[in-house]
Amino acid sequence: PCTCYDLRKLKFFMNHNNYNKISSSNPQPQNNKAPSNSQPQQANKKDDKAIVGNDLRDKVLSEIIDSKPGIKFSDVIGLDAAKQILKEIIIIPNLRPDLFTGLRSPPRGLLLFGPPGTGKTMIAKAVATECQCTFFNISASSLTSKYVGESEKLVRALFELAFEKQPSVVFIDEVESILSKRSENENEAMKRLKTEFLIQFDGVGSSQSARVLIIGATNRPSDLDPAVIRRLPKRVYIGPFNEAERKGFIKTIVQQNDSVITDEEFDQISKMCNNYSNSDWKELCREAAYEPLREISDVQSLEKVNKLRPICFGDFQKAVKKVRGTLTKEVLQELEIWNQQFGALN
């Protein structure tokens, strides 16, 4: 007969054998599963970072890089000061970069300011066509996002691509919409965007030897942040045409259609209005070109017409009564005062 001690001993050995069988069939289940699960999670995190970076770069490439508009410097009438500065800091340094070193290294920032409709964006389009550079045309909508922190990443991706594809030009139209003066009541997301832009443009980590030019265009330079003004050392006032430039501009526009306007009549047209911007003069020429078409009474008569009569001086006299200038003395005085304080005087 077995004693109680023997029964307890037998039960212990039976349980011990069952444990060994179970452990031998499934050796260390927890230790084996942990490494297999942890490695894929780390790899997925790395892949997610790479995907996010590629998505931002693709967004910059798809929305910001602009094709060549096909406008040359010869197509831009007047604006000689701006064209000369652009040749000095973009075109000639690309031809002979060995000459532009040290103190002669071209500046990295250019501000084109002036009243609306004077040709600031036209100059930028000419730069995109003339210079052998990668041209980035950005706006506020290109760099803002509803997600927290993505706007700063877009700015970083923009400058990374600009450095990779140098020589490059980054054109910001209506620059005050992005880089206006910072204030305490401003949205926190916009503050971070401006800070990131300033750091990437001229911060500690930025490369001073990079061939990247930032061009900003605005008709409200007084709204710009002082740090932005400092980073755009070349500031050129793009004002309305003078009398000689008006005459050349009108002649060039009217030559697209038949005209019988004499040189003396072109002088009279250029003296008609002083509060016209450059785009207003173009609209005036377009309105005058419609006058021969308006003389045709109905659609049936229009179908029988083989050729319209040439544009004459009387058409401009009628057009002046329909097209009004958009420039005011207050706006021009404000811009001229800012030019005397911060701009490059000619």
C-alpha atoms as a PDB file:
ATOM      1  CA  PRO A   1       0.000   0.000   0.000  1.00  0.00           C
ATOM      2  CA  CYS A   2       1.199   3.545  -0.886  1.00  0.00           C
ATOM      3  CA  THR A   3       1.577   6.121   1.777  1.00  0.00           C
ATOM      4  CA  CYS A   4       0.399   9.729   1.464  1.00  0.00           C
ATOM      5  CA  TYR A   5       3.969  10.838   0.877  1.00  0.00           C
ATOM      6  CA  ASP A   6       4.340   8.432  -2.014  1.00  0.00           C
ATOM      7  CA  LEU A   7       1.124   9.644  -3.606  1.00  0.00           C
ATOM      8  CA  ARG A   8       2.218  13.279  -3.422  1.00  0.00           C
ATOM      9  CA  LYS A   9       5.583  12.358  -4.916  1.00  0.00           C
ATOM     10  CA  LEU A  10       3.929  10.451  -7.761  1.00  0.00           C
ATOM     11  CA  LYS A  11       1.604  13.376  -8.524  1.00  0.00           C
ATOM     12  CA  PHE A  12       4.569  15.765  -8.631  1.00  0.00           C
ATOM     13  CA  PHE A  13       6.467  13.642 -11.153  1.00  0.00           C
ATOM     14  CA  MET A  14       3.360  13.267 -13.344  1.00  0.00           C
ATOM     15  CA  ASN A  15       2.815  17.048 -13.483  1.00  0.00           C
ATOM     16  CA  HIS A  16       6.493  17.651 -14.160  1.00  0.00           C
ATOM     17  CA  ASN A  17       6.454  15.242 -17.112  1.00  0.00           C
ATOM     18  CA  ASN A  18       3.347  16.869 -18.596  1.00  0.00           C
ATOM     19  CA  TYR A  19       5.007  20.330 -18.360  1.00  0.00           C
ATOM     20  CA  ASN A  20       8.113  19.065 -20.151  1.00  0.00           C
ATOM     21  CA  LYS A  21       5.957  17.630 -22.951  1.00  0.00           C
ATOM     22  CA  ILE A  22       4.114  20.909 -23.414  1.00  0.00           C
ATOM     23  CA  SER A  23       7.297  23.026 -23.338  1.00  0.00           C
ATOM     24  CA  SER A  24       9.061  20.718 -25.793  1.00  0.00           C
ATOM     25  CA  SER A  25       6.181  20.928 -28.308  1.00  0.00           C
ATOM     26  CA  ASN A  26       5.932  24.779 -28.008  1.00  0.00           C
ATOM     27  CA  PRO A  27       9.384  26.006 -26.987  1.00  0.00           C
ATOM     28  CA  GLN A  28       9.403  29.572 -25.635  1.00  0.00           C
ATOM     29  CA  PRO A  29       6.292  30.847 -27.430  1.00  0.00           C
ATOM     30  CA  GLN A  30       6.475  34.358 -26.016  1.00  0.00           C
ATOM     31  CA  ASN A  31      10.181  34.909 -26.707  1.00  0.00           C
ATOM     32  CA  ASN A  32       9.893  33.738 -30.308  1.00  0.00           C
ATOM     33  CA  LYS A  33       6.848  35.890 -31.121  1.00  0.00           C
ATOM     34  CA  ALA A  34       8.198  39.131 -29.695  1.00  0.00           C
ATOM     35  CA  PRO A  35      11.141  39.598 -32.085  1.00  0.00           C
ATOM     36  CA  SER A  36       9.047  38.578 -35.106  1.00  0.00           C
ATOM     37  CA  ASN A  37       6.417  41.237 -34.271  1.00  0.00           C
ATOM     38  CA  SER A  38       8.790  44.034 -33.271  1.00  0.00           C
ATOM     39  CA  GLN A  39      10.888  44.074 -36.451  1.00  0.00           C
ATOM     40  CA  PRO A  40       7.998  44.629 -38.906  1.00  0.00           C
ATOM     41  CA  GLN A  41       6.651  47.446 -36.732  1.00  0.00           C
ATOM     42  CA  GLN A  42       9.970  49.291 -36.892  1.00  0.00           C
ATOM     43  CA  ALA A  43      10.174  48.764 -40.643  1.00  0.00           C
ATOM     44  CA  ASN A  44       6.641  50.084 -41.090  1.00  0.00           C
ATOM     45  CA  LYS A  45       7.498  53.230 -39.167  1.00  0.00           C
ATOM     46  CA  LYS A  46      10.479  53.877 -41.412  1.00  0.00           C
ATOM     47  CA  ASP A  47       8.392  53.251 -44.516  1.00  0.00           C
ATOM     48  CA  ASP A  48       5.723  55.646 -43.273  1.00  0.00           C
ATOM     49  CA  LYS A  49       8.307  58.421 -42.856  1.00  0.00           C
ATOM     50  CA  ALA A  50       9.598  57.808 -46.355  1.00  0.00           C
ATOM     51  CA  ILE A  51       6.068  57.860 -47.786  1.00  0.00           C
ATOM     52  CA  VAL A  52       5.243  61.128 -46.023  1.00  0.00           C
ATOM     53  CA  GLY A  53       8.445  62.751 -47.345  1.00  0.00           C
ATOM     54  CA  ASN A  54       7.797  61.590 -50.893  1.00  0.00           C
ATOM     55  CA  ASP A  55       4.209  62.798 -50.770  1.00  0.00           C
ATOM     56  CA  LEU A  56       5.313  66.297 -49.756  1.00  0.00           C
ATOM     57  CA  ARG A  57       7.967  66.428 -52.454  1.00  0.00           C
ATOM     58  CA  ASP A  58       5.467  65.247 -55.052  1.00  0.00           C
ATOM     59  CA  LYS A  59       3.036  67.945 -53.935  1.00  0.00           C
ATOM     60  CA  VAL A  60       5.726  70.594 -54.337  1.00  0.00           C
ATOM     61  CA  LEU A  61       6.669  69.273 -57.764  1.00  0.00           C
ATOM     62  CA  SER A  62       3.089  69.057 -59.014  1.00  0.00           C
ATOM     63  CA  GLU A  63       1.814  72.392 -57.685  1.00  0.00           C
ATOM     64  CA  ILE A  64       4.840  74.672 -57.630  1.00  0.00           C
ATOM     65  CA  ILE A  65       7.177  74.042 -60.546  1.00  0.00           C
ATOM     66  CA  ASP A  66       5.942  76.088 -63.487  1.00  0.00           C
ATOM     67  CA  SER A  67       6.548  75.541 -67.173  1.00  0.00           C
ATOM     68  CA  LYS A  68       8.206  78.254 -69.237  1.00  0.00           C
ATOM     69  CA  PRO A  69       5.579  80.907 -70.087  1.00  0.00           C
ATOM     70  CA  GLY A  70       7.310  81.918 -73.358  1.00  0.00           C
ATOM     71  CA  ILE A  71       7.716  85.641 -72.500  1.00  0.00           C
ATOM     72  CA  LYS A  72      11.148  87.138 -73.185  1.00  0.00           C
ATOM     73  CA  PHE A  73      12.802  90.286 -71.849  1.00  0.00           C
ATOM     74  CA  SER A  74      12.356  91.859 -75.270  1.00  0.00           C
ATOM     75  CA  ASP A  75       8.586  91.456 -74.894  1.00  0.00           C
ATOM     76  CA  VAL A  76       8.618  93.523 -71.684  1.00  0.00           C
ATOM     77  CA  ILE A  77       8.445  97.228 -72.563  1.00  0.00           C
ATOM     78  CA  GLY A  78      10.182  99.591 -70.151  1.00  0.00           C
ATOM     79  CA  LEU A  79      11.178  98.372 -66.664  1.00  0.00           C
ATOM     80  CA  ASP A  80      14.839  98.813 -67.618  1.00  0.00           C
ATOM     81  CA  ALA A  81      16.068  99.016 -64.001  1.00  0.00           C
ATOM     82  CA  ALA A  82      14.444  95.705 -63.059  1.00  0.00           C
ATOM     83  CA  LYS A  83      15.708  93.973 -66.197  1.00  0.00           C
ATOM     84  CA  GLN A  84      19.271  95.194 -65.596  1.00  0.00           C
ATOM     85  CA  ILE A  85      19.265  93.922 -62.005  1.00  0.00           C
ATOM     86  CA  LEU A  86      17.887  90.546 -63.079  1.00  0.00           C
ATOM     87  CA  LYS A  87      20.619  90.215 -65.686  1.00  0.00           C
ATOM     88  CA  GLU A  88      23.256  90.956 -63.020  1.00  0.00           C
ATOM     89  CA  ILE A  89      21.989  88.475 -60.439  1.00  0.00           C
ATOM     90  CA  ILE A  90      20.635  85.645 -62.650  1.00  0.00           C
ATOM     91  CA  ILE A  91      21.628  85.558 -66.312  1.00  0.00           C
ATOM     92  CA  ILE A  92      25.271  86.708 -66.248  1.00  0.00           C
ATOM     93  CA  PRO A  93      26.222  84.672 -63.114  1.00  0.00           C
ATOM     94  CA  ASN A  94      24.884  81.549 -64.823  1.00  0.00           C
ATOM     95  CA  LEU A  95      27.112  82.253 -67.844  1.00  0.00           C
ATOM     96  CA  ARG A  96      30.268  82.998 -65.813  1.00  0.00           C
ATOM     97  CA  PRO A  97      29.877  81.739 -62.238  1.00  0.00           C
ATOM     98  CA  ASP A  98      33.666  81.965 -61.737  1.00  0.00           C
ATOM     99  CA  LEU A  99      33.499  85.783 -61.897  1.00  0.00           C
ATOM    100  CA  PHE A 100      30.781  86.093 -59.263  1.00  0.00           C
ATOM    101  CA  THR A 101      32.562  84.963 -56.121  1.00  0.00           C
ATOM    102  CA  GLY A 102      33.339  86.624 -52.805  1.00  0.00           C
ATOM    103  CA  LEU A 103      31.866  90.109 -52.585  1.00  0.00           C
ATOM    104  CA  ARG A 104      30.614  89.779 -56.159  1.00  0.00           C
ATOM    105  CA  SER A 105      28.451  86.763 -55.329  1.00  0.00           C
ATOM    106  CA  PRO A 106      24.884  87.573 -56.417  1.00  0.00           C
ATOM    107  CA  PRO A 107      22.260  88.305 -53.722  1.00  0.00           C
ATOM    108  CA  ARG A 108      19.749  85.626 -52.885  1.00  0.00           C
ATOM    109  CA  GLY A 109      16.694  87.865 -52.558  1.00  0.00           C
ATOM    110  CA  LEU A 110      14.886  90.319 -54.828  1.00  0.00           C
ATOM    111  CA  LEU A 111      11.709  92.275 -54.079  1.00  0.00           C
ATOM    112  CA  LEU A 112       9.635  93.770 -56.891  1.00  0.00           C
ATOM    113  CA  PHE A 113       7.140  96.258 -55.480  1.00  0.00           C
ATOM    114  CA  GLY A 114       4.808  98.758 -57.071  1.00  0.00           C
ATOM    115  CA  PRO A 115       1.151  99.494 -57.784  1.00  0.00           C
ATOM    116  CA  PRO A 116      -1.035  96.765 -59.279  1.00  0.00           C
ATOM    117  CA  GLY A 117      -0.795  96.168 -62.996  1.00  0.00           C
ATOM    118  CA  THR A 118       2.706  97.529 -63.629  1.00  0.00           C
ATOM    119  CA  GLY A 119       4.389  94.331 -64.836  1.00  0.00           C
ATOM    120  CA  LYS A 120       5.855  92.637 -61.747  1.00  0.00           C
ATOM    121  CA  THR A 121       4.512  89.214 -62.669  1.00  0.00           C
ATOM    122  CA  MET A 122       5.472  89.790 -66.305  1.00  0.00           C
ATOM    123  CA  ILE A 123       9.088  90.276 -65.248  1.00  0.00           C
ATOM    124  CA  ALA A 124       8.984  86.990 -63.340  1.00  0.00           C
ATOM    125  CA  LYS A 125       7.613  85.181 -66.399  1.00  0.00           C
ATOM    126  CA  ALA A 126      10.438  86.626 -68.490  1.00  0.00           C
ATOM    127  CA  VAL A 127      12.937  85.348 -65.913  1.00  0.00           C
ATOM    128  CA  ALA A 128      11.436  81.866 -66.165  1.00  0.00           C
ATOM    129  CA  THR A 129      11.873  81.936 -69.939  1.00  0.00           C
ATOM    130  CA  GLU A 130      15.270  83.614 -70.267  1.00  0.00           C
ATOM    131  CA  CYS A 131      17.331  82.013 -67.510  1.00  0.00           C
ATOM    132  CA  GLN A 132      18.376  78.387 -67.599  1.00  0.00           C
ATOM    133  CA  CYS A 133      16.984  77.773 -64.109  1.00  0.00           C
ATOM    134  CA  THR A 134      14.338  75.696 -62.444  1.00  0.00           C
ATOM    135  CA  PHE A 135      11.447  78.071 -61.839  1.00  0.00           C
ATOM    136  CA  PHE A 136       9.184  77.660 -58.812  1.00  0.00           C
ATOM    137  CA  ASN A 137       5.971  79.701 -58.872  1.00  0.00           C
ATOM    138  CA  ILE A 138       4.358  79.484 -55.444  1.00  0.00           C
ATOM    139  CA  SER A 139       1.426  81.110 -53.673  1.00  0.00           C
ATOM    140  CA  ALA A 140      -0.163  81.011 -50.248  1.00  0.00           C
ATOM    141  CA  SER A 141      -2.367  78.059 -51.184  1.00  0.00           C
ATOM    142  CA  SER A 142       0.691  76.033 -52.216  1.00  0.00           C
ATOM    143  CA  LEU A 143       2.271  76.185 -48.753  1.00  0.00           C
ATOM    144  CA  THR A 144      -0.731  76.128 -46.418  1.00  0.00           C
ATOM    145  CA  SER A 145      -2.420  72.977 -45.164  1.00  0.00           C
ATOM    146  CA  LYS A 146      -5.212  72.071 -42.782  1.00  0.00           C
ATOM    147  CA  TYR A 147      -2.977  69.523 -41.049  1.00  0.00           C
ATOM    148  CA  VAL A 148      -0.839  70.685 -38.124  1.00  0.00           C
ATOM    149  CA  GLY A 149       2.833  70.869 -39.030  1.00  0.00           C
ATOM    150  CA  GLU A 150       2.440  70.086 -42.731  1.00  0.00           C
ATOM    151  CA  SER A 151       2.919  73.698 -43.856  1.00  0.00           C
ATOM    152  CA  GLU A 152       6.392  73.787 -42.320  1.00  0.00           C
ATOM    153  CA  LYS A 153       7.246  70.478 -43.997  1.00  0.00           C
ATOM    154  CA  LEU A 154       6.086  71.870 -47.342  1.00  0.00           C
ATOM    155  CA  VAL A 155       8.395  74.873 -46.922  1.00  0.00           C
ATOM    156  CA  ARG A 156      11.275  72.556 -46.062  1.00  0.00           C
ATOM    157  CA  ALA A 157      10.514  70.371 -49.076  1.00  0.00           C
ATOM    158  CA  LEU A 158      10.394  73.461 -51.300  1.00  0.00           C
ATOM    159  CA  PHE A 159      13.884  74.583 -50.301  1.00  0.00           C
ATOM    160  CA  GLU A 160      15.272  71.051 -50.488  1.00  0.00           C
ATOM    161  CA  LEU A 161      14.058  70.747 -54.075  1.00  0.00           C
ATOM    162  CA  ALA A 162      15.335  74.237 -54.902  1.00  0.00           C
ATOM    163  CA  PHE A 163      18.796  73.275 -53.611  1.00  0.00           C
ATOM    164  CA  GLU A 164      18.740  69.965 -55.471  1.00  0.00           C
ATOM    165  CA  LYS A 165      17.725  71.564 -58.779  1.00  0.00           C
ATOM    166  CA  GLN A 166      19.932  74.667 -58.518  1.00  0.00           C
ATOM    167  CA  PRO A 167      20.370  77.068 -60.162  1.00  0.00           C
ATOM    168  CA  SER A 168      16.746  77.764 -59.343  1.00  0.00           C
ATOM    169  CA  VAL A 169      14.382  80.709 -58.913  1.00  0.00           C
ATOM    170  CA  VAL A 170      11.542  80.759 -56.381  1.00  0.00           C
ATOM    171  CA  PHE A 171       8.923  83.367 -57.289  1.00  0.00           C
ATOM    172  CA  ILE A 172       6.331  84.345 -54.677  1.00  0.00           C
ATOM    173  CA  ASP A 173       3.523  86.468 -56.066  1.00  0.00           C
ATOM    174  CA  GLU A 174       1.654  88.579 -53.486  1.00  0.00           C
ATOM    175  CA  VAL A 175       4.391  87.778 -50.990  1.00  0.00           C
ATOM    176  CA  GLU A 176       2.681  89.738 -48.203  1.00  0.00           C
ATOM    177  CA  SER A 177      -0.042  87.064 -48.046  1.00  0.00           C
ATOM    178  CA  ILE A 178       2.560  84.601 -46.709  1.00  0.00           C
ATOM    179  CA  LEU A 179       5.230  86.735 -45.036  1.00  0.00           C
ATOM    180  CA  SER A 180       3.291  89.626 -43.516  1.00  0.00           C
ATOM    181  CA  LYS A 181       4.209  91.223 -40.193  1.00  0.00           C
ATOM    182  CA  ARG A 182       4.027  88.893 -37.221  1.00  0.00           C
ATOM    183  CA  SER A 183       1.725  89.861 -34.358  1.00  0.00           C
ATOM    184  CA  GLU A 184       0.542  88.417 -31.053  1.00  0.00           C
ATOM    185  CA  ASN A 185      -3.006  87.838 -32.316  1.00  0.00           C
ATOM    186  CA  GLU A 186      -1.842  85.925 -35.376  1.00  0.00           C
ATOM    187  CA  ASN A 187      -2.728  82.309 -36.044  1.00  0.00           C
ATOM    188  CA  GLU A 188      -0.141  79.943 -34.575  1.00  0.00           C
ATOM    189  CA  ALA A 189       0.101  77.919 -37.789  1.00  0.00           C
ATOM    190  CA  MET A 190       0.991  81.018 -39.827  1.00  0.00           C
ATOM    191  CA  LYS A 191       3.627  81.985 -37.258  1.00  0.00           C
ATOM    192  CA  ARG A 192       5.298  78.592 -37.619  1.00  0.00           C
ATOM    193  CA  LEU A 193       5.136  78.799 -41.416  1.00  0.00           C
ATOM    194  CA  LYS A 194       6.825  82.213 -41.469  1.00  0.00           C
ATOM    195  CA  THR A 195       9.459  81.115 -38.980  1.00  0.00           C
ATOM    196  CA  GLU A 196      10.268  78.009 -41.002  1.00  0.00           C
ATOM    197  CA  PHE A 197      10.484  80.040 -44.198  1.00  0.00           C
ATOM    198  CA  LEU A 198      12.907  82.532 -42.645  1.00  0.00           C
ATOM    199  CA  ILE A 199      15.038  79.733 -41.182  1.00  0.00           C
ATOM    200  CA  GLN A 200      15.250  77.853 -44.458  1.00  0.00           C
ATOM    201  CA  PHE A 201      15.950  81.017 -46.440  1.00  0.00           C
ATOM    202  CA  ASP A 202      18.757  82.488 -44.356  1.00  0.00           C
ATOM    203  CA  GLY A 203      19.089  80.454 -41.182  1.00  0.00           C
ATOM    204  CA  VAL A 204      22.033  78.718 -39.544  1.00  0.00           C
ATOM    205  CA  GLY A 205      21.615  75.553 -41.575  1.00  0.00           C
ATOM    206  CA  SER A 206      21.165  77.252 -44.967  1.00  0.00           C
ATOM    207  CA  SER A 207      23.975  77.095 -47.515  1.00  0.00           C
ATOM    208  CA  GLN A 208      25.360  80.475 -48.504  1.00  0.00           C
ATOM    209  CA  SER A 209      26.905  79.047 -51.678  1.00  0.00           C
ATOM    210  CA  ALA A 210      23.588  77.705 -53.006  1.00  0.00           C
ATOM    211  CA  ARG A 211      22.483  79.241 -56.305  1.00  0.00           C
ATOM    212  CA  VAL A 212      18.894  79.860 -55.293  1.00  0.00           C
ATOM    213  CA  LEU A 213      17.168  83.205 -55.875  1.00  0.00           C
ATOM    214  CA  ILE A 214      13.985  84.241 -54.074  1.00  0.00           C
ATOM    215  CA  ILE A 215      11.857  86.803 -55.959  1.00  0.00           C
ATOM    216  CA  GLY A 216       8.923  88.376 -54.161  1.00  0.00           C
ATOM    217  CA  ALA A 217       6.309  90.607 -55.795  1.00  0.00           C
ATOM    218  CA  THR A 218       3.904  92.815 -53.870  1.00  0.00           C
ATOM    219  CA  ASN A 219       1.889  96.012 -54.100  1.00  0.00           C
ATOM    220  CA  ARG A 220       1.836  96.359 -50.298  1.00  0.00           C
ATOM    221  CA  PRO A 221       5.495  96.348 -49.200  1.00  0.00           C
ATOM    222  CA  SER A 222       4.670  98.125 -45.935  1.00  0.00           C
ATOM    223  CA  ASP A 223       2.846  94.962 -44.777  1.00  0.00           C
ATOM    224  CA  LEU A 224       5.977  92.799 -45.002  1.00  0.00           C
ATOM    225  CA  ASP A 225       7.763  91.579 -41.896  1.00  0.00           C
ATOM    226  CA  PRO A 226      11.069  93.421 -41.214  1.00  0.00           C
ATOM    227  CA  ALA A 227      12.933  90.095 -41.242  1.00  0.00           C
ATOM    228  CA  VAL A 228      11.632  89.443 -44.765  1.00  0.00           C
ATOM    229  CA  ILE A 229      12.713  92.892 -45.973  1.00  0.00           C
ATOM    230  CA  ARG A 230      16.207  92.223 -44.626  1.00  0.00           C
ATOM    231  CA  ARG A 231      16.394  88.927 -46.527  1.00  0.00           C
ATOM    232  CA  LEU A 232      15.433  90.631 -49.814  1.00  0.00           C
ATOM    233  CA  PRO A 233      18.310  93.115 -50.195  1.00  0.00           C
ATOM    234  CA  LYS A 234      17.525  94.045 -53.815  1.00  0.00           C
ATOM    235  CA  ARG A 235      14.298  96.076 -53.796  1.00  0.00           C
ATOM    236  CA  VAL A 236      13.176  97.536 -57.114  1.00  0.00           C
ATOM    237  CA  TYR A 237      10.238  99.881 -57.567  1.00  0.00           C
ATOM    238  CA  ILE A 238       8.128  98.906 -60.592  1.00  0.00           C
ATOM    239  CA  GLY A 239       6.164 102.060 -61.303  1.00  0.00           C
ATOM    240  CA  PRO A 240       3.755 103.071 -64.067  1.00  0.00           C
ATOM    241  CA  PHE A 241       4.998 103.929 -67.539  1.00  0.00           C
ATOM    242  CA  ASN A 242       6.432 107.326 -68.275  1.00  0.00           C
ATOM    243  CA  GLU A 243       5.317 109.156 -71.414  1.00  0.00           C
ATOM    244  CA  ALA A 244       7.955 107.621 -73.697  1.00  0.00           C
ATOM    245  CA  GLU A 245       7.244 104.099 -72.429  1.00  0.00           C
ATOM    246  CA  ARG A 246       3.502 104.621 -72.929  1.00  0.00           C
ATOM    247  CA  LYS A 247       4.050 105.551 -76.560  1.00  0.00           C
ATOM    248  CA  GLY A 248       6.232 102.505 -77.205  1.00  0.00           C
ATOM    249  CA  PHE A 249       3.797 100.239 -75.425  1.00  0.00           C
ATOM    250  CA  ILE A 250       0.755 101.509 -77.357  1.00  0.00           C
ATOM    251  CA  LYS A 251       2.604 101.193 -80.658  1.00  0.00           C
ATOM    252  CA  THR A 252       3.547  97.601 -79.910  1.00  0.00           C
ATOM    253  CA  ILE A 253       0.023  96.630 -78.896  1.00  0.00           C
ATOM    254  CA  VAL A 254      -1.709  98.339 -81.815  1.00  0.00           C
ATOM    255  CA  GLN A 255       0.632  96.687 -84.331  1.00  0.00           C
ATOM    256  CA  GLN A 256      -1.161  93.413 -83.672  1.00  0.00           C
ATOM    257  CA  ASN A 257      -4.019  94.809 -85.812  1.00  0.00           C
ATOM    258  CA  ASP A 258      -4.227  97.188 -88.765  1.00  0.00           C
ATOM    259  CA  SER A 259      -4.089 100.870 -87.808  1.00  0.00           C
ATOM    260  CA  VAL A 260      -3.783 104.277 -89.453  1.00  0.00           C
ATOM    261  CA  ILE A 261      -2.542 106.160 -86.388  1.00  0.00           C
ATOM    262  CA  THR A 262       0.290 108.598 -87.022  1.00  0.00           C
ATOM    263  CA  ASP A 263       3.278 109.218 -84.753  1.00  0.00           C
ATOM    264  CA  GLU A 264       1.844 112.565 -83.593  1.00  0.00           C
ATOM    265  CA  GLU A 265      -1.438 110.886 -82.703  1.00  0.00           C
ATOM    266  CA  PHE A 266       0.460 108.299 -80.647  1.00  0.00           C
ATOM    267  CA  ASP A 267       1.967 111.213 -78.720  1.00  0.00           C
ATOM    268  CA  GLN A 268      -1.510 112.595 -78.040  1.00  0.00           C
ATOM    269  CA  ILE A 269      -2.779 109.199 -76.886  1.00  0.00           C
ATOM    270  CA  SER A 270       0.137 108.801 -74.456  1.00  0.00           C
ATOM    271  CA  LYS A 271      -0.770 112.174 -72.885  1.00  0.00           C
ATOM    272  CA  MET A 272      -4.480 111.422 -72.446  1.00  0.00           C
ATOM    273  CA  CYS A 273      -4.348 109.923 -68.955  1.00  0.00           C
ATOM    274  CA  ASN A 274      -1.850 109.960 -66.103  1.00  0.00           C
ATOM    275  CA  ASN A 275      -3.631 107.656 -63.648  1.00  0.00           C
ATOM    276  CA  TYR A 276      -3.448 104.568 -65.863  1.00  0.00           C
ATOM    277  CA  SER A 277      -1.413 101.535 -64.861  1.00  0.00           C
ATOM    278  CA  ASN A 278       0.357  99.471 -67.496  1.00  0.00           C
ATOM    279  CA  SER A 279      -2.488  96.961 -67.589  1.00  0.00           C
ATOM    280  CA  ASP A 280      -4.991  99.842 -67.912  1.00  0.00           C
ATOM    281  CA  TRP A 281      -3.204 101.009 -71.069  1.00  0.00           C
ATOM    282  CA  LYS A 282      -3.485  97.518 -72.488  1.00  0.00           C
ATOM    283  CA  GLU A 283      -7.218  97.491 -71.719  1.00  0.00           C
ATOM    284  CA  LEU A 284      -7.558 100.904 -73.397  1.00  0.00           C
ATOM    285  CA  CYS A 285      -5.964  99.549 -76.577  1.00  0.00           C
ATOM    286  CA  ARG A 286      -8.255  96.517 -76.501  1.00  0.00           C
ATOM    287  CA  GLU A 287     -11.319  98.746 -76.127  1.00  0.00           C
ATOM    288  CA  ALA A 288     -10.208 100.883 -79.083  1.00  0.00           C
ATOM    289  CA  ALA A 289      -9.711  97.758 -81.191  1.00  0.00           C
ATOM    290  CA  TYR A 290     -13.360  96.801 -80.611  1.00  0.00           C
ATOM    291  CA  GLU A 291     -14.712 100.055 -82.076  1.00  0.00           C
ATOM    292  CA  PRO A 292     -14.516  98.952 -85.754  1.00  0.00           C
ATOM    293  CA  LEU A 293     -16.406  95.807 -84.794  1.00  0.00           C
ATOM    294  CA  ARG A 294     -19.166  97.764 -83.061  1.00  0.00           C
ATOM    295  CA  GLU A 295     -19.939  99.697 -86.248  1.00  0.00           C
ATOM    296  CA  ILE A 296     -21.432  96.555 -87.750  1.00  0.00           C
ATOM    297  CA  SER A 297     -25.127  96.629 -86.973  1.00  0.00           C
ATOM    298  CA  ASP A 298     -26.216  92.991 -86.879  1.00  0.00           C
ATOM    299  CA  VAL A 299     -25.000  89.412 -87.191  1.00  0.00           C
ATOM    300  CA  GLN A 300     -26.002  89.101 -90.856  1.00  0.00           C
ATOM    301  CA  SER A 301     -23.863  92.075 -91.782  1.00  0.00           C
ATOM    302  CA  LEU A 302     -20.988  90.627 -89.768  1.00  0.00           C
ATOM    303  CA  GLU A 303     -21.089  87.422 -91.817  1.00  0.00           C
ATOM    304  CA  LYS A 304     -20.679  89.437 -95.044  1.00  0.00           C
ATOM    305  CA  VAL A 305     -17.674  91.452 -93.814  1.00  0.00           C
ATOM    306  CA  ASN A 306     -14.340  90.237 -95.184  1.00  0.00           C
ATOM    307  CA  LYS A 307     -12.102  92.663 -93.317  1.00  0.00           C
ATOM    308  CA  LEU A 308     -12.550  95.254 -90.590  1.00  0.00           C
ATOM    309  CA  ARG A 309     -11.412  98.825 -91.024  1.00  0.00           C
ATOM    310  CA  PRO A 310      -8.110  99.871 -89.398  1.00  0.00           C
ATOM    311  CA  ILE A 311      -7.966 101.327 -85.906  1.00  0.00           C
ATOM    312  CA  CYS A 312      -7.864 105.116 -85.910  1.00  0.00           C
ATOM    313  CA  PHE A 313      -7.257 107.924 -83.434  1.00  0.00           C
ATOM    314  CA  GLY A 314     -11.010 108.470 -82.969  1.00  0.00           C
ATOM    315  CA  ASP A 315     -11.334 104.940 -81.584  1.00  0.00           C
ATOM    316  CA  PHE A 316      -9.015 105.862 -78.716  1.00  0.00           C
ATOM    317  CA  GLN A 317     -10.981 109.017 -78.031  1.00  0.00           C
ATOM    318  CA  LYS A 318     -14.095 106.878 -77.573  1.00  0.00           C
ATOM    319  CA  ALA A 319     -12.229 104.243 -75.539  1.00  0.00           C
ATOM    320  CA  VAL A 320     -10.963 106.811 -73.021  1.00  0.00           C
ATOM    321  CA  LYS A 321     -14.560 107.496 -71.978  1.00  0.00           C
ATOM    322  CA  LYS A 322     -15.150 103.807 -71.221  1.00  0.00           C
ATOM    323  CA  VAL A 323     -11.885 102.720 -69.564  1.00  0.00           C
ATOM    324  CA  ARG A 324     -10.961 104.385 -66.295  1.00  0.00           C
ATOM    325  CA  GLY A 325      -7.577 104.357 -64.613  1.00  0.00           C
ATOM    326  CA  THR A 326      -7.049 102.402 -61.395  1.00  0.00           C
ATOM    327  CA  LEU A 327      -4.104 104.313 -59.915  1.00  0.00           C
ATOM    328  CA  THR A 328      -4.641 106.874 -57.174  1.00  0.00           C
ATOM    329  CA  LYS A 329      -2.325 109.572 -55.846  1.00  0.00           C
ATOM    330  CA  GLU A 330      -2.507 108.129 -52.336  1.00  0.00           C
ATOM    331  CA  VAL A 331      -1.254 104.697 -53.434  1.00  0.00           C
ATOM    332  CA  LEU A 332       1.561 106.161 -55.526  1.00  0.00           C
ATOM    333  CA  GLN A 333       2.680 108.498 -52.735  1.00  0.00           C
ATOM    334  CA  GLU A 334       2.760 105.667 -50.212  1.00  0.00           C
ATOM    335  CA  LEU A 335       4.850 103.486 -52.510  1.00  0.00           C
ATOM    336  CA  GLU A 336       7.238 106.310 -53.373  1.00  0.00           C
ATOM    337  CA  ILE A 337       7.801 107.052 -49.677  1.00  0.00           C
ATOM    338  CA  TRP A 338       8.549 103.370 -49.026  1.00  0.00           C
ATOM    339  CA  ASN A 339      10.897 103.366 -52.028  1.00  0.00           C
ATOM    340  CA  GLN A 340      12.838 106.320 -50.612  1.00  0.00           C
ATOM    341  CA  GLN A 341      13.181 104.499 -47.295  1.00  0.00           C
ATOM    342  CA  PHE A 342      13.947 100.936 -48.399  1.00  0.00           C
ATOM    343  CA  GLY A 343      14.154 100.778 -52.206  1.00  0.00           C
ATOM    344  CA  ALA A 344      16.985 101.132 -54.677  1.00  0.00           C
ATOM    345  CA  LEU A 345      16.866 104.695 -55.986  1.00  0.00           C
ATOM    346  CA  ASN A 346      17.765 105.117 -59.645  1.00  0.00           C
END
